[in-house]
Amino acid sequence: MTAIETHDLTKYYGDLCAVDHLSLSVDNEIFALLGPNGSGKTTTVLMLTTLLRPTEGTATVCGYDCATEGDMVRKKLSYVPQDMAVDIRLTGRENVVFFAKLYGVADPRAQADEALAIMELADRADDLVKTYSGGMRRRLELAQALVHEPAVLFLDEPTLGLDVAARKKIWEHIRKLRSRGMTVFVTTHYMDEADRFCDRVAIISRGSIMAIGKPKTLKAQLMKDVITATISGEFIPFELGSIRFLGRKEDDVSFTAENGREALPLIAEALVARGMKVHSLSLHEPTLDDVFLNVVGSSDEPRSFNDQQFRVMLRRRK
């Protein structure tokens, strides 16, 4: 039985289509849904966790329909939202026992202790949560989510606001949950984390899935070098022959090229010729960030140099 299945899942808010005929199949893996703000990520998760009814289409969790069998769906899943959901006036154990009782667990304290041990919080179980660090509070949220042994775990930005060490610790625990047979569905803005820790990712934009697959496969599909320039000055996107504008992120502009080493000086000259100051240039293999830019696109539309301009630039290089 597939953990999560959707067919043409759609949600309208009035005339706005937030999720547009989304079809997914997720099972026994860490699956990341990536997308810019307003792309439909949260709406999708809310429908899958029974917190929002779809306008059209179907969604099931462990075989139960999210719209018509909500009680059974909620028994099979846990949802950890982006905002902290622990009571700092209680101890760690009291927080988890409270959730165990909500879920109707037969032995709340025993299950709470087991969940705390999994999250490596047993030695701090009787301390007030107000004394916990941000990373420890996030792990406590995971303990709360695990106390009824769900088959599917939804995590909304699980490491947002945490330092590097705490983020790494959270992902270590998430991967252990996956090895225990749990399906983990994650939304995140940290592309490096999705690249390193997720089995598959899907990129959603304007409510539609634009790309889906293993991070390694998606990066390989670019099949080009990526050149990133840090610049100052007014930037107008452009293309140079086979050198394509990829996207812009703050002061960094990126291009793809078949031969990155040959493209580096051409891009630098083109930027300077258009009145920009180039602070640095780097050449690297495609990252998931680059895939995201390539798939989602940029608000900036590229303009091509004409053939004569391109030939002149090539002659200069020779």
C-alpha atoms as a PDB file:
ATOM      1  CA  MET A   1       0.000   0.000   0.000  1.00  0.00           C
ATOM      2  CA  THR A   2       1.435   3.359  -1.059  1.00  0.00           C
ATOM      3  CA  ALA A   3       1.936   5.803   1.826  1.00  0.00           C
ATOM      4  CA  ILE A   4       0.804   8.930  -0.085  1.00  0.00           C
ATOM      5  CA  GLU A   5      -1.078   8.978  -3.365  1.00  0.00           C
ATOM      6  CA  THR A   6      -2.682  11.922  -5.155  1.00  0.00           C
ATOM      7  CA  HIS A   7      -4.548  12.053  -8.452  1.00  0.00           C
ATOM      8  CA  ASP A   8      -5.327  15.422 -10.051  1.00  0.00           C
ATOM      9  CA  LEU A   9      -5.382  17.040  -6.607  1.00  0.00           C
ATOM     10  CA  THR A  10      -6.618  20.602  -7.076  1.00  0.00           C
ATOM     11  CA  LYS A  11      -7.447  23.522  -4.807  1.00  0.00           C
ATOM     12  CA  TYR A  12      -9.057  26.814  -5.778  1.00  0.00           C
ATOM     13  CA  TYR A  13      -9.386  29.885  -3.582  1.00  0.00           C
ATOM     14  CA  GLY A  14     -12.063  31.706  -5.507  1.00  0.00           C
ATOM     15  CA  ASP A  15     -10.600  32.170  -8.996  1.00  0.00           C
ATOM     16  CA  LEU A  16      -7.046  31.461  -7.809  1.00  0.00           C
ATOM     17  CA  CYS A  17      -5.751  27.945  -8.493  1.00  0.00           C
ATOM     18  CA  ALA A  18      -3.316  27.226  -5.644  1.00  0.00           C
ATOM     19  CA  VAL A  19      -2.732  23.559  -6.546  1.00  0.00           C
ATOM     20  CA  ASP A  20      -3.338  22.456 -10.116  1.00  0.00           C
ATOM     21  CA  HIS A  21      -4.074  18.746 -10.825  1.00  0.00           C
ATOM     22  CA  LEU A  22      -1.178  17.444  -8.760  1.00  0.00           C
ATOM     23  CA  SER A  23      -0.436  13.714  -9.045  1.00  0.00           C
ATOM     24  CA  LEU A  24       2.139  12.135  -6.728  1.00  0.00           C
ATOM     25  CA  SER A  25       3.105   8.753  -5.331  1.00  0.00           C
ATOM     26  CA  VAL A  26       5.344   8.676  -2.240  1.00  0.00           C
ATOM     27  CA  ASP A  27       6.324   5.595  -0.259  1.00  0.00           C
ATOM     28  CA  ASN A  28       9.014   4.627   2.271  1.00  0.00           C
ATOM     29  CA  GLU A  29      11.317   7.537   1.461  1.00  0.00           C
ATOM     30  CA  ILE A  30      12.263  11.058   2.444  1.00  0.00           C
ATOM     31  CA  PHE A  31      10.430  13.179  -0.107  1.00  0.00           C
ATOM     32  CA  ALA A  32      10.878  16.949  -0.378  1.00  0.00           C
ATOM     33  CA  LEU A  33       8.426  19.372  -1.924  1.00  0.00           C
ATOM     34  CA  LEU A  34      10.331  22.475  -3.016  1.00  0.00           C
ATOM     35  CA  GLY A  35       9.009  25.721  -4.380  1.00  0.00           C
ATOM     36  CA  PRO A  36       8.988  29.500  -3.993  1.00  0.00           C
ATOM     37  CA  ASN A  37       6.596  31.258  -1.645  1.00  0.00           C
ATOM     38  CA  GLY A  38       3.050  30.997  -2.937  1.00  0.00           C
ATOM     39  CA  SER A  39       3.814  27.970  -5.115  1.00  0.00           C
ATOM     40  CA  GLY A  40       1.286  25.653  -3.439  1.00  0.00           C
ATOM     41  CA  LYS A  41       3.484  23.751  -0.967  1.00  0.00           C
ATOM     42  CA  THR A  42       1.524  24.581   2.178  1.00  0.00           C
ATOM     43  CA  THR A  43      -1.845  24.100   0.488  1.00  0.00           C
ATOM     44  CA  THR A  44      -0.726  20.639  -0.651  1.00  0.00           C
ATOM     45  CA  VAL A  45       0.379  19.647   2.844  1.00  0.00           C
ATOM     46  CA  LEU A  46      -2.830  20.961   4.395  1.00  0.00           C
ATOM     47  CA  MET A  47      -4.895  18.821   2.029  1.00  0.00           C
ATOM     48  CA  LEU A  48      -2.776  15.730   2.695  1.00  0.00           C
ATOM     49  CA  THR A  49      -3.107  16.194   6.458  1.00  0.00           C
ATOM     50  CA  THR A  50      -6.925  16.633   6.228  1.00  0.00           C
ATOM     51  CA  LEU A  51      -6.782  20.276   7.336  1.00  0.00           C
ATOM     52  CA  LEU A  52      -8.116  21.513   3.996  1.00  0.00           C
ATOM     53  CA  ARG A  53     -10.581  19.927   1.583  1.00  0.00           C
ATOM     54  CA  PRO A  54      -9.590  19.734  -2.083  1.00  0.00           C
ATOM     55  CA  THR A  55     -11.700  21.340  -4.776  1.00  0.00           C
ATOM     56  CA  GLU A  56     -11.079  18.476  -7.193  1.00  0.00           C
ATOM     57  CA  GLY A  57      -9.139  15.218  -7.346  1.00  0.00           C
ATOM     58  CA  THR A  58      -8.236  12.741  -4.621  1.00  0.00           C
ATOM     59  CA  ALA A  59      -5.551  12.167  -2.027  1.00  0.00           C
ATOM     60  CA  THR A  60      -4.963   9.102   0.126  1.00  0.00           C
ATOM     61  CA  VAL A  61      -2.645   8.368   3.047  1.00  0.00           C
ATOM     62  CA  CYS A  62      -2.024   4.662   3.704  1.00  0.00           C
ATOM     63  CA  GLY A  63      -5.003   3.887   1.512  1.00  0.00           C
ATOM     64  CA  TYR A  64      -7.483   6.149   3.328  1.00  0.00           C
ATOM     65  CA  ASP A  65      -9.125   9.061   1.545  1.00  0.00           C
ATOM     66  CA  CYS A  66      -8.088  12.419   3.011  1.00  0.00           C
ATOM     67  CA  ALA A  67     -11.474  14.004   2.265  1.00  0.00           C
ATOM     68  CA  THR A  68     -13.861  11.240   3.370  1.00  0.00           C
ATOM     69  CA  GLU A  69     -11.860   9.176   5.877  1.00  0.00           C
ATOM     70  CA  GLY A  70     -10.154  11.902   7.855  1.00  0.00           C
ATOM     71  CA  ASP A  71     -10.238  10.078  11.201  1.00  0.00           C
ATOM     72  CA  MET A  72      -8.363   7.077   9.786  1.00  0.00           C
ATOM     73  CA  VAL A  73      -5.891   9.306   7.946  1.00  0.00           C
ATOM     74  CA  ARG A  74      -5.047  11.233  11.117  1.00  0.00           C
ATOM     75  CA  LYS A  75      -4.305   7.985  12.958  1.00  0.00           C
ATOM     76  CA  LYS A  76      -1.695   7.144  10.344  1.00  0.00           C
ATOM     77  CA  LEU A  77       0.157  10.448  10.197  1.00  0.00           C
ATOM     78  CA  SER A  78       1.813  13.169  12.218  1.00  0.00           C
ATOM     79  CA  TYR A  79       2.304  16.773  11.170  1.00  0.00           C
ATOM     80  CA  VAL A  80       5.004  19.042  12.579  1.00  0.00           C
ATOM     81  CA  PRO A  81       4.280  22.626  11.456  1.00  0.00           C
ATOM     82  CA  GLN A  82       6.862  25.312  10.884  1.00  0.00           C
ATOM     83  CA  ASP A  83       6.033  27.234  14.055  1.00  0.00           C
ATOM     84  CA  MET A  84       7.129  25.781  17.378  1.00  0.00           C
ATOM     85  CA  ALA A  85       4.362  23.748  19.043  1.00  0.00           C
ATOM     86  CA  VAL A  86       5.741  22.973  22.513  1.00  0.00           C
ATOM     87  CA  ASP A  87       4.711  24.372  25.879  1.00  0.00           C
ATOM     88  CA  ILE A  88       7.793  25.893  27.501  1.00  0.00           C
ATOM     89  CA  ARG A  89       6.081  25.849  30.934  1.00  0.00           C
ATOM     90  CA  LEU A  90       6.050  22.036  30.948  1.00  0.00           C
ATOM     91  CA  THR A  91       8.861  19.504  31.021  1.00  0.00           C
ATOM     92  CA  GLY A  92       9.846  17.604  27.928  1.00  0.00           C
ATOM     93  CA  ARG A  93       8.157  14.452  29.210  1.00  0.00           C
ATOM     94  CA  GLU A  94       4.953  16.301  30.096  1.00  0.00           C
ATOM     95  CA  ASN A  95       4.748  17.695  26.567  1.00  0.00           C
ATOM     96  CA  VAL A  96       5.087  14.265  24.976  1.00  0.00           C
ATOM     97  CA  VAL A  97       2.749  12.527  27.455  1.00  0.00           C
ATOM     98  CA  PHE A  98       0.112  15.155  26.663  1.00  0.00           C
ATOM     99  CA  PHE A  99       0.299  14.247  22.966  1.00  0.00           C
ATOM    100  CA  ALA A 100       0.256  10.535  23.772  1.00  0.00           C
ATOM    101  CA  LYS A 101      -3.013  11.005  25.644  1.00  0.00           C
ATOM    102  CA  LEU A 102      -4.475  13.028  22.776  1.00  0.00           C
ATOM    103  CA  TYR A 103      -3.722  10.129  20.433  1.00  0.00           C
ATOM    104  CA  GLY A 104      -5.217   7.614  22.862  1.00  0.00           C
ATOM    105  CA  VAL A 105      -1.967   5.695  23.385  1.00  0.00           C
ATOM    106  CA  ALA A 106      -2.442   2.769  25.800  1.00  0.00           C
ATOM    107  CA  ASP A 107       0.601   3.550  27.983  1.00  0.00           C
ATOM    108  CA  PRO A 108       1.322   7.278  27.520  1.00  0.00           C
ATOM    109  CA  ARG A 109       4.353   7.530  29.804  1.00  0.00           C
ATOM    110  CA  ALA A 110       6.107   4.468  28.377  1.00  0.00           C
ATOM    111  CA  GLN A 111       5.521   5.617  24.816  1.00  0.00           C
ATOM    112  CA  ALA A 112       6.643   9.134  25.691  1.00  0.00           C
ATOM    113  CA  ASP A 113       9.868   7.820  27.196  1.00  0.00           C
ATOM    114  CA  GLU A 114      10.543   5.743  24.090  1.00  0.00           C
ATOM    115  CA  ALA A 115       9.960   8.711  21.789  1.00  0.00           C
ATOM    116  CA  LEU A 116      12.200  10.928  23.928  1.00  0.00           C
ATOM    117  CA  ALA A 117      14.936   8.281  23.829  1.00  0.00           C
ATOM    118  CA  ILE A 118      14.729   8.090  20.020  1.00  0.00           C
ATOM    119  CA  MET A 119      15.246  11.855  19.876  1.00  0.00           C
ATOM    120  CA  GLU A 120      18.122  11.650  22.415  1.00  0.00           C
ATOM    121  CA  LEU A 121      16.238  13.724  24.993  1.00  0.00           C
ATOM    122  CA  ALA A 122      15.896  11.130  27.751  1.00  0.00           C
ATOM    123  CA  ASP A 123      18.481  12.846  29.967  1.00  0.00           C
ATOM    124  CA  ARG A 124      16.584  16.150  29.735  1.00  0.00           C
ATOM    125  CA  ALA A 125      13.063  14.715  29.939  1.00  0.00           C
ATOM    126  CA  ASP A 126      12.314  16.245  33.347  1.00  0.00           C
ATOM    127  CA  ASP A 127      13.729  19.684  32.555  1.00  0.00           C
ATOM    128  CA  LEU A 128      11.421  22.557  31.685  1.00  0.00           C
ATOM    129  CA  VAL A 129      11.286  23.161  27.942  1.00  0.00           C
ATOM    130  CA  LYS A 130      12.098  26.843  28.473  1.00  0.00           C
ATOM    131  CA  THR A 131      15.660  25.658  29.226  1.00  0.00           C
ATOM    132  CA  TYR A 132      15.919  23.796  25.876  1.00  0.00           C
ATOM    133  CA  SER A 133      17.810  25.136  22.880  1.00  0.00           C
ATOM    134  CA  GLY A 134      16.036  25.676  19.560  1.00  0.00           C
ATOM    135  CA  GLY A 135      17.365  22.388  18.210  1.00  0.00           C
ATOM    136  CA  MET A 136      16.223  20.500  21.303  1.00  0.00           C
ATOM    137  CA  ARG A 137      12.742  21.992  21.036  1.00  0.00           C
ATOM    138  CA  ARG A 138      12.547  20.849  17.423  1.00  0.00           C
ATOM    139  CA  ARG A 139      13.584  17.347  18.467  1.00  0.00           C
ATOM    140  CA  LEU A 140      10.917  17.473  21.172  1.00  0.00           C
ATOM    141  CA  GLU A 141       8.346  18.284  18.499  1.00  0.00           C
ATOM    142  CA  LEU A 142       9.495  15.207  16.627  1.00  0.00           C
ATOM    143  CA  ALA A 143       9.132  13.134  19.809  1.00  0.00           C
ATOM    144  CA  GLN A 144       5.555  14.425  20.137  1.00  0.00           C
ATOM    145  CA  ALA A 145       4.893  13.461  16.527  1.00  0.00           C
ATOM    146  CA  LEU A 146       6.310   9.957  16.989  1.00  0.00           C
ATOM    147  CA  VAL A 147       4.534   9.032  20.204  1.00  0.00           C
ATOM    148  CA  HIS A 148       1.712   7.163  18.434  1.00  0.00           C
ATOM    149  CA  GLU A 149       4.069   5.500  15.924  1.00  0.00           C
ATOM    150  CA  PRO A 150       2.725   7.064  12.689  1.00  0.00           C
ATOM    151  CA  ALA A 151       3.367   5.564   9.273  1.00  0.00           C
ATOM    152  CA  VAL A 152       3.760   8.976   7.610  1.00  0.00           C
ATOM    153  CA  LEU A 153       5.425  12.094   8.996  1.00  0.00           C
ATOM    154  CA  PHE A 154       4.893  15.571   7.492  1.00  0.00           C
ATOM    155  CA  LEU A 155       7.539  18.171   8.341  1.00  0.00           C
ATOM    156  CA  ASP A 156       7.137  21.829   7.353  1.00  0.00           C
ATOM    157  CA  GLU A 157      10.552  23.560   7.283  1.00  0.00           C
ATOM    158  CA  PRO A 158      11.971  21.266  10.008  1.00  0.00           C
ATOM    159  CA  THR A 159      15.293  23.104  10.377  1.00  0.00           C
ATOM    160  CA  LEU A 160      14.237  26.703   9.795  1.00  0.00           C
ATOM    161  CA  GLY A 161      16.065  29.104  12.105  1.00  0.00           C
ATOM    162  CA  LEU A 162      18.432  26.493  13.532  1.00  0.00           C
ATOM    163  CA  ASP A 163      22.217  26.679  13.479  1.00  0.00           C
ATOM    164  CA  VAL A 164      24.256  24.340  11.293  1.00  0.00           C
ATOM    165  CA  ALA A 165      24.956  21.811  14.048  1.00  0.00           C
ATOM    166  CA  ALA A 166      21.303  21.634  15.090  1.00  0.00           C
ATOM    167  CA  ARG A 167      20.182  21.266  11.470  1.00  0.00           C
ATOM    168  CA  LYS A 168      22.565  18.355  10.967  1.00  0.00           C
ATOM    169  CA  LYS A 169      21.287  16.670  14.141  1.00  0.00           C
ATOM    170  CA  ILE A 170      17.658  16.984  13.045  1.00  0.00           C
ATOM    171  CA  TRP A 171      18.433  15.392   9.693  1.00  0.00           C
ATOM    172  CA  GLU A 172      20.297  12.540  11.364  1.00  0.00           C
ATOM    173  CA  HIS A 173      17.107  11.734  13.260  1.00  0.00           C
ATOM    174  CA  ILE A 174      14.927  12.116  10.175  1.00  0.00           C
ATOM    175  CA  ARG A 175      17.092   9.632   8.294  1.00  0.00           C
ATOM    176  CA  LYS A 176      16.867   7.169  11.171  1.00  0.00           C
ATOM    177  CA  LEU A 177      13.073   7.407  11.017  1.00  0.00           C
ATOM    178  CA  ARG A 178      13.190   6.607   7.316  1.00  0.00           C
ATOM    179  CA  SER A 179      15.384   3.559   8.038  1.00  0.00           C
ATOM    180  CA  ARG A 180      12.700   2.367  10.485  1.00  0.00           C
ATOM    181  CA  GLY A 181      10.232   2.250   7.583  1.00  0.00           C
ATOM    182  CA  MET A 182       8.567   5.636   7.995  1.00  0.00           C
ATOM    183  CA  THR A 183       7.636   7.813   5.015  1.00  0.00           C
ATOM    184  CA  VAL A 184       8.755  11.410   5.581  1.00  0.00           C
ATOM    185  CA  PHE A 185       7.284  14.268   3.523  1.00  0.00           C
ATOM    186  CA  VAL A 186       9.268  17.505   3.911  1.00  0.00           C
ATOM    187  CA  THR A 187       8.955  21.079   2.716  1.00  0.00           C
ATOM    188  CA  THR A 188      12.123  23.147   2.914  1.00  0.00           C
ATOM    189  CA  HIS A 189      13.850  26.190   1.444  1.00  0.00           C
ATOM    190  CA  TYR A 190      17.289  24.723   2.185  1.00  0.00           C
ATOM    191  CA  MET A 191      18.286  23.235  -1.178  1.00  0.00           C
ATOM    192  CA  ASP A 192      21.543  21.837   0.189  1.00  0.00           C
ATOM    193  CA  GLU A 193      19.598  19.805   2.754  1.00  0.00           C
ATOM    194  CA  ALA A 194      17.165  18.478   0.171  1.00  0.00           C
ATOM    195  CA  ASP A 195      20.121  17.542  -2.032  1.00  0.00           C
ATOM    196  CA  ARG A 196      22.020  15.690   0.705  1.00  0.00           C
ATOM    197  CA  PHE A 197      19.274  14.030   2.692  1.00  0.00           C
ATOM    198  CA  CYS A 198      16.191  13.449   0.514  1.00  0.00           C
ATOM    199  CA  ASP A 199      15.623  10.383  -1.644  1.00  0.00           C
ATOM    200  CA  ARG A 200      13.494  12.337  -4.126  1.00  0.00           C
ATOM    201  CA  VAL A 201      12.407  15.925  -4.601  1.00  0.00           C
ATOM    202  CA  ALA A 202       9.603  17.614  -6.503  1.00  0.00           C
ATOM    203  CA  ILE A 203       9.718  21.262  -7.554  1.00  0.00           C
ATOM    204  CA  ILE A 204       6.349  22.982  -7.577  1.00  0.00           C
ATOM    205  CA  SER A 205       5.580  26.343  -9.154  1.00  0.00           C
ATOM    206  CA  ARG A 206       2.188  28.031  -9.486  1.00  0.00           C
ATOM    207  CA  GLY A 207       0.507  24.892  -8.197  1.00  0.00           C
ATOM    208  CA  SER A 208       2.032  22.471 -10.726  1.00  0.00           C
ATOM    209  CA  ILE A 209       4.876  19.978 -10.432  1.00  0.00           C
ATOM    210  CA  MET A 210       7.619  21.192 -12.780  1.00  0.00           C
ATOM    211  CA  ALA A 211      10.241  18.514 -12.044  1.00  0.00           C
ATOM    212  CA  ILE A 212      10.466  15.379  -9.917  1.00  0.00           C
ATOM    213  CA  GLY A 213      13.180  12.804  -9.291  1.00  0.00           C
ATOM    214  CA  LYS A 214      16.318  12.012  -7.356  1.00  0.00           C
ATOM    215  CA  PRO A 215      18.506  15.092  -6.761  1.00  0.00           C
ATOM    216  CA  LYS A 216      21.407  13.460  -8.606  1.00  0.00           C
ATOM    217  CA  THR A 217      19.227  12.763 -11.633  1.00  0.00           C
ATOM    218  CA  LEU A 218      17.784  16.279 -11.755  1.00  0.00           C
ATOM    219  CA  LYS A 219      21.254  17.841 -11.564  1.00  0.00           C
ATOM    220  CA  ALA A 220      22.551  15.556 -14.315  1.00  0.00           C
ATOM    221  CA  GLN A 221      19.741  16.686 -16.620  1.00  0.00           C
ATOM    222  CA  LEU A 222      21.234  20.196 -16.830  1.00  0.00           C
ATOM    223  CA  MET A 223      24.317  18.611 -18.470  1.00  0.00           C
ATOM    224  CA  LYS A 224      26.169  21.935 -18.428  1.00  0.00           C
ATOM    225  CA  ASP A 225      28.610  23.950 -16.364  1.00  0.00           C
ATOM    226  CA  VAL A 226      27.241  26.753 -14.231  1.00  0.00           C
ATOM    227  CA  ILE A 227      28.967  30.134 -14.007  1.00  0.00           C
ATOM    228  CA  THR A 228      27.960  32.502 -11.220  1.00  0.00           C
ATOM    229  CA  ALA A 229      28.993  36.143 -11.126  1.00  0.00           C
ATOM    230  CA  THR A 230      28.690  38.458  -8.144  1.00  0.00           C
ATOM    231  CA  ILE A 231      27.996  41.907  -9.551  1.00  0.00           C
ATOM    232  CA  SER A 232      26.918  45.441  -8.749  1.00  0.00           C
ATOM    233  CA  GLY A 233      25.076  47.784 -11.043  1.00  0.00           C
ATOM    234  CA  GLU A 234      21.849  47.521 -12.985  1.00  0.00           C
ATOM    235  CA  PHE A 235      21.590  44.040 -14.470  1.00  0.00           C
ATOM    236  CA  ILE A 236      19.637  43.273 -17.627  1.00  0.00           C
ATOM    237  CA  PRO A 237      19.602  39.519 -18.372  1.00  0.00           C
ATOM    238  CA  PHE A 238      21.199  38.427 -21.622  1.00  0.00           C
ATOM    239  CA  GLU A 239      22.317  35.348 -23.523  1.00  0.00           C
ATOM    240  CA  LEU A 240      25.523  34.821 -25.490  1.00  0.00           C
ATOM    241  CA  GLY A 241      25.194  32.228 -28.219  1.00  0.00           C
ATOM    242  CA  SER A 242      24.951  28.891 -26.380  1.00  0.00           C
ATOM    243  CA  ILE A 243      25.564  30.597 -23.011  1.00  0.00           C
ATOM    244  CA  ARG A 244      22.167  30.800 -21.344  1.00  0.00           C
ATOM    245  CA  PHE A 245      20.973  32.995 -18.496  1.00  0.00           C
ATOM    246  CA  LEU A 246      19.920  30.736 -15.628  1.00  0.00           C
ATOM    247  CA  GLY A 247      18.663  33.093 -12.943  1.00  0.00           C
ATOM    248  CA  ARG A 248      19.423  35.725 -10.361  1.00  0.00           C
ATOM    249  CA  LYS A 249      19.675  35.520  -6.585  1.00  0.00           C
ATOM    250  CA  GLU A 250      20.339  38.878  -4.929  1.00  0.00           C
ATOM    251  CA  ASP A 251      23.720  40.075  -6.293  1.00  0.00           C
ATOM    252  CA  ASP A 252      24.565  36.731  -7.931  1.00  0.00           C
ATOM    253  CA  VAL A 253      23.643  36.041 -11.556  1.00  0.00           C
ATOM    254  CA  SER A 254      24.082  32.570 -13.047  1.00  0.00           C
ATOM    255  CA  PHE A 255      24.530  31.212 -16.554  1.00  0.00           C
ATOM    256  CA  THR A 256      24.876  27.742 -18.071  1.00  0.00           C
ATOM    257  CA  ALA A 257      27.420  26.852 -20.735  1.00  0.00           C
ATOM    258  CA  GLU A 258      28.682  23.743 -22.502  1.00  0.00           C
ATOM    259  CA  ASN A 259      32.275  24.736 -21.732  1.00  0.00           C
ATOM    260  CA  GLY A 260      32.441  26.763 -18.558  1.00  0.00           C
ATOM    261  CA  ARG A 261      36.130  27.677 -18.815  1.00  0.00           C
ATOM    262  CA  GLU A 262      35.679  29.249 -22.228  1.00  0.00           C
ATOM    263  CA  ALA A 263      32.495  30.990 -21.105  1.00  0.00           C
ATOM    264  CA  LEU A 264      34.023  32.673 -18.023  1.00  0.00           C
ATOM    265  CA  PRO A 265      35.849  35.531 -19.820  1.00  0.00           C
ATOM    266  CA  LEU A 266      32.999  35.999 -22.297  1.00  0.00           C
ATOM    267  CA  ILE A 267      30.486  36.455 -19.489  1.00  0.00           C
ATOM    268  CA  ALA A 268      32.827  38.836 -17.637  1.00  0.00           C
ATOM    269  CA  GLU A 269      33.301  40.976 -20.746  1.00  0.00           C
ATOM    270  CA  ALA A 270      29.586  41.014 -21.478  1.00  0.00           C
ATOM    271  CA  LEU A 271      28.762  42.147 -17.946  1.00  0.00           C
ATOM    272  CA  VAL A 272      31.360  44.931 -18.012  1.00  0.00           C
ATOM    273  CA  ALA A 273      30.228  46.010 -21.497  1.00  0.00           C
ATOM    274  CA  ARG A 274      26.718  46.422 -20.108  1.00  0.00           C
ATOM    275  CA  GLY A 275      27.899  48.723 -17.313  1.00  0.00           C
ATOM    276  CA  MET A 276      28.213  46.307 -14.415  1.00  0.00           C
ATOM    277  CA  LYS A 277      31.090  45.756 -12.040  1.00  0.00           C
ATOM    278  CA  VAL A 278      32.131  42.121 -11.609  1.00  0.00           C
ATOM    279  CA  HIS A 279      33.332  41.293  -8.078  1.00  0.00           C
ATOM    280  CA  SER A 280      33.830  37.561  -8.548  1.00  0.00           C
ATOM    281  CA  LEU A 281      33.266  34.683 -10.957  1.00  0.00           C
ATOM    282  CA  SER A 282      32.921  31.026 -10.091  1.00  0.00           C
ATOM    283  CA  LEU A 283      32.538  27.842 -12.105  1.00  0.00           C
ATOM    284  CA  HIS A 284      30.856  24.764 -10.683  1.00  0.00           C
ATOM    285  CA  GLU A 285      28.843  21.692 -11.513  1.00  0.00           C
ATOM    286  CA  PRO A 286      25.046  22.073 -11.267  1.00  0.00           C
ATOM    287  CA  THR A 287      23.538  22.128  -7.778  1.00  0.00           C
ATOM    288  CA  LEU A 288      19.928  21.656  -6.756  1.00  0.00           C
ATOM    289  CA  ASP A 289      19.772  25.452  -6.443  1.00  0.00           C
ATOM    290  CA  ASP A 290      20.656  25.663 -10.133  1.00  0.00           C
ATOM    291  CA  VAL A 291      18.017  23.075 -11.009  1.00  0.00           C
ATOM    292  CA  PHE A 292      15.486  25.104  -9.030  1.00  0.00           C
ATOM    293  CA  LEU A 293      16.378  28.290 -10.917  1.00  0.00           C
ATOM    294  CA  ASN A 294      16.258  26.464 -14.224  1.00  0.00           C
ATOM    295  CA  VAL A 295      12.841  24.938 -13.518  1.00  0.00           C
ATOM    296  CA  VAL A 296      11.099  27.792 -11.707  1.00  0.00           C
ATOM    297  CA  GLY A 297      12.757  30.494 -13.778  1.00  0.00           C
ATOM    298  CA  SER A 298      13.406  34.100 -12.936  1.00  0.00           C
ATOM    299  CA  SER A 299      11.322  37.228 -13.075  1.00  0.00           C
ATOM    300  CA  ASP A 300      14.110  38.596 -15.263  1.00  0.00           C
ATOM    301  CA  GLU A 301      13.771  37.769 -18.961  1.00  0.00           C
ATOM    302  CA  PRO A 302      17.046  37.300 -20.861  1.00  0.00           C
ATOM    303  CA  ARG A 303      17.963  39.339 -23.906  1.00  0.00           C
ATOM    304  CA  SER A 304      20.238  37.841 -26.539  1.00  0.00           C
ATOM    305  CA  PHE A 305      23.293  39.528 -27.964  1.00  0.00           C
ATOM    306  CA  ASN A 306      22.912  39.644 -31.737  1.00  0.00           C
ATOM    307  CA  ASP A 307      25.190  37.501 -33.929  1.00  0.00           C
ATOM    308  CA  GLN A 308      27.502  40.388 -34.797  1.00  0.00           C
ATOM    309  CA  GLN A 309      28.061  41.302 -31.141  1.00  0.00           C
ATOM    310  CA  PHE A 310      28.799  37.677 -30.333  1.00  0.00           C
ATOM    311  CA  ARG A 311      31.307  37.288 -33.222  1.00  0.00           C
ATOM    312  CA  VAL A 312      33.109  40.471 -32.171  1.00  0.00           C
ATOM    313  CA  MET A 313      33.444  39.164 -28.627  1.00  0.00           C
ATOM    314  CA  LEU A 314      34.808  35.830 -29.850  1.00  0.00           C
ATOM    315  CA  ARG A 315      37.387  37.606 -32.059  1.00  0.00           C
ATOM    316  CA  ARG A 316      38.546  39.647 -29.062  1.00  0.00           C
ATOM    317  CA  ARG A 317      39.162  36.450 -27.136  1.00  0.00           C
ATOM    318  CA  LYS A 318      41.210  34.981 -29.998  1.00  0.00           C
END
